Amino acid sequence: MSRDKHIKKLPLTTSAQNIRGILLIFSILLLAFSAIFNSSPSTEVAATEISKQYSLEIDSGYVMEIPRRLDINPQNFIIEEFTQSSSRMLIWDFTGNNQNTIEIRVNDEIIEQNYSLSSEVAVFDIPIPSVVTITGVDEEVNYAVKFPERLYTMFNTVASNQSNEYQLSR
């Protein structure tokens, strides 16, 4: 004989029904707030921000949902007024292409040779002052860099055997 035949369903008490209703309303509100205050920009907004090559709107780790051709040019950056003797540099491929290879140098010393850049954020400790050089190894690479002490994220591209520099100073 099946055990389920002996289970009797009891109606919910009034307080249990009230709690269920409150949880339902809370869930709907939470879903609405998350949709309204979603921190990831739309693909169109992101493409516009990326074309400026720096953004206050896009956080570290952002990866474009829909890959597209971007109108950005290789650029060197000067980043001043660091207050610490070192900083963390966050770097990732914002296009989601996980097969690009770069070389990272700090003050002409290689810290990563043939580094496979991915959409996962990589973190490097960088002394201040210094010059960070990102060199494309095998093909054009689109990537983003952020120093957490700064509000903006920088977007760049580098061709094979070409370099971009980030000059960091106090």
Foldseek 3Di string as FASTA:
>chain_A
DDPVVPDDDDDDDPVRVVVVVVVVVVVVVVVVVCVVPVLQDALVVVLVCVQVQKDLSDDPLAARPDADDHNHAAEAAEAEDDPDQKFKKKKAQNPFPQAWFKWKDKQNHTPDHRDRGGSDIDIDIHGPQIKIKIATAPAKGWMWMDTVVDSMIGIHIHGHRGIYIYGYHD
